N, C-alpha and C. Protein backbone atom coordinates (compact mmCIF):
# COMPACT_ATOMS: atom_id res chain seq x y z
N MET A 1 81.78 92.40 81.20
CA MET A 1 82.84 93.26 82.10
C MET A 1 83.59 92.74 80.76
N GLN A 2 84.06 94.19 80.28
CA GLN A 2 84.90 93.86 79.17
C GLN A 2 86.56 94.10 79.72
N LEU A 3 86.90 92.83 79.11
CA LEU A 3 88.64 93.13 80.33
C LEU A 3 89.17 93.73 79.11
N ALA A 4 90.63 93.91 79.27
CA ALA A 4 91.96 94.85 78.97
C ALA A 4 92.53 93.76 77.26
N ASP A 5 92.03 92.42 77.52
CA ASP A 5 92.31 91.93 76.20
C ASP A 5 91.05 92.01 75.01
N LYS A 6 90.52 93.30 75.20
CA LYS A 6 88.79 93.70 75.20
C LYS A 6 88.46 91.83 74.97
N THR A 7 88.38 90.93 75.50
CA THR A 7 87.31 89.70 75.42
C THR A 7 86.20 90.27 76.68
N ALA A 8 84.96 89.95 76.91
CA ALA A 8 84.29 90.11 77.63
C ALA A 8 84.09 88.84 78.91
N GLN A 9 83.82 89.21 79.93
CA GLN A 9 83.45 88.73 80.79
C GLN A 9 81.81 88.51 81.57
N GLU A 10 81.43 87.67 81.99
CA GLU A 10 79.77 87.58 82.12
C GLU A 10 80.32 87.02 83.52
N ILE A 11 79.94 88.34 85.25
CA ILE A 11 79.98 88.38 86.48
C ILE A 11 78.90 88.01 86.94
N LYS A 12 78.47 87.06 88.05
CA LYS A 12 77.39 87.20 88.42
C LYS A 12 76.94 87.20 89.76
N ALA A 13 76.89 87.73 90.99
CA ALA A 13 77.05 87.85 92.52
C ALA A 13 75.44 88.55 93.48
N PRO A 14 75.24 88.49 94.37
CA PRO A 14 74.19 89.32 95.34
C PRO A 14 74.31 90.37 95.10
N LEU A 15 75.89 91.18 95.30
CA LEU A 15 76.11 92.14 94.95
C LEU A 15 76.79 92.46 94.70
N ILE A 16 77.51 93.40 93.44
CA ILE A 16 78.43 94.00 92.85
C ILE A 16 78.94 95.92 93.39
N PHE A 17 80.26 95.91 94.00
CA PHE A 17 80.67 97.04 94.08
C PHE A 17 81.35 97.57 93.61
N ILE A 18 81.16 98.38 92.84
CA ILE A 18 81.92 98.74 91.80
C ILE A 18 82.83 100.19 91.96
N ASN A 19 84.66 100.43 92.11
CA ASN A 19 84.96 101.52 93.14
C ASN A 19 85.29 101.96 91.61
N THR A 20 85.17 103.12 91.01
CA THR A 20 85.89 103.36 90.16
C THR A 20 87.52 103.91 90.17
N GLY A 21 87.29 105.42 91.57
CA GLY A 21 88.20 105.67 91.79
C GLY A 21 88.07 107.20 91.67
N THR A 22 88.75 108.02 92.11
CA THR A 22 89.38 109.02 91.67
C THR A 22 90.22 110.03 91.73
N ARG A 23 89.82 111.21 92.16
CA ARG A 23 90.89 111.93 92.17
C ARG A 23 90.45 113.43 92.85
N ALA A 24 91.04 114.41 94.17
CA ALA A 24 90.40 114.81 94.55
C ALA A 24 90.29 116.68 93.80
N ALA A 25 89.21 117.15 93.43
CA ALA A 25 89.00 117.92 92.59
C ALA A 25 89.57 119.56 93.54
N LEU A 26 90.07 120.32 92.84
CA LEU A 26 90.54 121.63 93.78
C LEU A 26 89.70 122.78 92.87
N PRO A 27 88.95 123.36 94.41
CA PRO A 27 87.83 123.93 93.90
C PRO A 27 88.70 126.05 93.18
N GLU A 28 88.32 126.41 92.40
CA GLU A 28 88.64 127.86 91.90
C GLU A 28 88.35 128.62 93.09
N LEU A 29 88.94 128.60 93.87
CA LEU A 29 89.29 129.87 95.17
C LEU A 29 89.73 130.65 95.14
N PRO A 30 90.23 131.91 95.19
CA PRO A 30 90.98 133.03 94.86
C PRO A 30 91.98 132.83 96.43
N GLY A 31 93.24 132.92 96.22
CA GLY A 31 94.15 132.75 97.69
C GLY A 31 94.36 131.19 97.88
N LEU A 32 93.87 130.27 97.16
CA LEU A 32 94.01 129.10 97.86
C LEU A 32 95.25 128.42 97.32
N SER A 33 96.30 128.81 96.34
CA SER A 33 97.29 128.53 96.03
C SER A 33 98.34 129.19 96.77
N ASP A 34 97.87 129.99 97.50
CA ASP A 34 99.15 130.89 98.16
C ASP A 34 99.09 130.19 99.64
N VAL A 35 97.81 129.54 99.98
CA VAL A 35 97.81 128.79 101.68
C VAL A 35 98.32 127.33 101.55
N PRO A 36 99.36 126.94 102.44
CA PRO A 36 99.05 125.45 102.24
C PRO A 36 97.85 124.41 102.86
N TYR A 37 97.31 123.59 101.87
CA TYR A 37 96.46 122.98 101.95
C TYR A 37 96.23 121.35 101.78
N LEU A 38 96.06 120.16 102.36
CA LEU A 38 95.83 118.87 101.94
C LEU A 38 94.24 118.78 101.57
N THR A 39 94.74 118.07 100.13
CA THR A 39 94.03 116.97 98.83
C THR A 39 93.85 115.93 100.03
N THR A 40 91.98 115.44 99.75
CA THR A 40 91.81 113.90 101.17
C THR A 40 92.81 112.85 101.03
N THR A 41 93.46 112.46 100.16
CA THR A 41 94.78 111.62 100.00
C THR A 41 96.06 112.22 101.15
N GLU A 42 96.40 113.33 101.17
CA GLU A 42 97.04 113.57 101.78
C GLU A 42 97.08 114.08 103.39
N LEU A 43 95.53 114.10 103.24
CA LEU A 43 94.87 114.43 105.36
C LEU A 43 94.43 113.26 106.08
N LEU A 44 94.63 112.35 104.73
CA LEU A 44 94.16 110.63 105.74
C LEU A 44 96.07 109.94 105.40
N ASP A 45 96.77 110.92 105.11
CA ASP A 45 98.36 110.49 104.98
C ASP A 45 98.57 110.75 106.49
N LEU A 46 98.19 112.10 106.49
CA LEU A 46 99.18 112.68 108.48
C LEU A 46 99.60 111.66 109.08
N GLN A 47 100.68 111.92 109.74
CA GLN A 47 101.43 111.67 110.86
C GLN A 47 100.73 111.77 112.25
N GLU A 48 100.00 113.35 112.10
CA GLU A 48 99.81 114.04 113.57
C GLU A 48 98.67 114.68 112.97
N LEU A 49 98.04 114.74 114.17
CA LEU A 49 96.36 115.09 114.46
C LEU A 49 96.33 116.59 114.19
N PRO A 50 96.19 117.26 113.61
CA PRO A 50 96.02 119.05 113.27
C PRO A 50 95.14 119.71 114.19
N GLU A 51 95.59 120.21 114.67
CA GLU A 51 94.84 121.31 116.49
C GLU A 51 93.64 122.02 115.17
N HIS A 52 94.04 122.27 114.22
CA HIS A 52 92.77 123.17 113.47
C HIS A 52 92.33 122.29 112.09
N LEU A 53 91.44 122.38 111.43
CA LEU A 53 91.40 122.16 110.47
C LEU A 53 89.90 122.73 109.46
N LEU A 54 89.62 122.84 108.29
CA LEU A 54 88.37 123.46 107.52
C LEU A 54 88.39 122.43 106.34
N ILE A 55 87.46 122.14 106.07
CA ILE A 55 87.29 120.69 105.45
C ILE A 55 86.56 121.35 104.44
N LEU A 56 86.53 121.77 102.92
CA LEU A 56 85.91 122.05 101.88
C LEU A 56 85.42 121.17 101.01
N GLY A 57 84.42 120.60 100.72
CA GLY A 57 83.41 119.53 99.98
C GLY A 57 82.70 119.09 100.25
N GLY A 58 82.10 118.60 98.92
CA GLY A 58 80.55 118.54 99.17
C GLY A 58 80.41 116.89 99.56
N ALA A 59 79.22 116.38 99.34
CA ALA A 59 78.78 114.32 98.94
C ALA A 59 79.03 114.43 100.37
N THR A 60 79.43 113.30 100.83
CA THR A 60 79.23 112.05 101.93
C THR A 60 80.89 112.67 102.24
N SER A 61 81.65 112.57 101.26
CA SER A 61 83.30 112.82 102.28
C SER A 61 83.19 114.04 102.67
N GLY A 62 83.27 114.60 102.71
CA GLY A 62 83.76 116.09 103.37
C GLY A 62 82.79 115.96 104.51
N TRP A 63 81.16 115.60 104.15
CA TRP A 63 81.00 115.18 105.96
C TRP A 63 81.08 113.83 106.96
N ASN A 64 82.13 112.52 106.18
CA ASN A 64 82.31 111.60 106.72
C ASN A 64 84.17 112.64 107.77
N LEU A 65 84.47 113.01 106.70
CA LEU A 65 86.26 113.46 106.92
C LEU A 65 86.19 114.44 108.36
N GLY A 66 84.99 115.53 108.01
CA GLY A 66 85.02 116.63 109.10
C GLY A 66 84.35 115.84 110.67
N ARG A 67 83.76 114.55 110.40
CA ARG A 67 82.96 114.19 111.64
C ARG A 67 84.05 113.11 111.68
N CYS A 68 85.37 112.57 111.34
CA CYS A 68 85.97 111.57 111.66
C CYS A 68 86.99 112.66 112.69
N PHE A 69 87.66 113.92 111.74
CA PHE A 69 88.43 114.69 113.00
C PHE A 69 87.75 115.25 113.78
N ALA A 70 86.97 114.97 113.77
CA ALA A 70 85.73 115.80 115.20
C ALA A 70 86.40 115.16 116.21
N GLY A 71 86.21 114.07 115.83
CA GLY A 71 85.78 112.93 116.78
C GLY A 71 87.65 112.91 117.31
N LEU A 72 87.99 112.62 116.69
CA LEU A 72 89.72 112.56 117.16
C LEU A 72 89.87 113.81 117.86
N ALA A 73 89.34 114.91 118.01
CA ALA A 73 89.20 116.00 118.82
C ALA A 73 89.77 117.60 117.96
N ALA A 74 90.25 117.59 116.20
CA ALA A 74 90.35 118.67 115.94
C ALA A 74 89.11 119.04 115.98
N LYS A 75 89.55 120.55 116.11
CA LYS A 75 88.98 122.02 115.97
C LYS A 75 88.10 122.26 114.07
């Protein structure tokens, strides 16, 4: 692993999890900028459960968010 000072350090462990972090990518959908929308970060910061919710997203993050909010009774 390369450190901030450009030196290298070897790390050994049975399992290593690398979380690089990402930002939500907004799809190019006509009209999206004309309606209120939430990114993943904003959705997870909600203080109240939305009555209705449409999740656009791929991979497991969209599926996981859908299951989470369905379990909380959002439609």
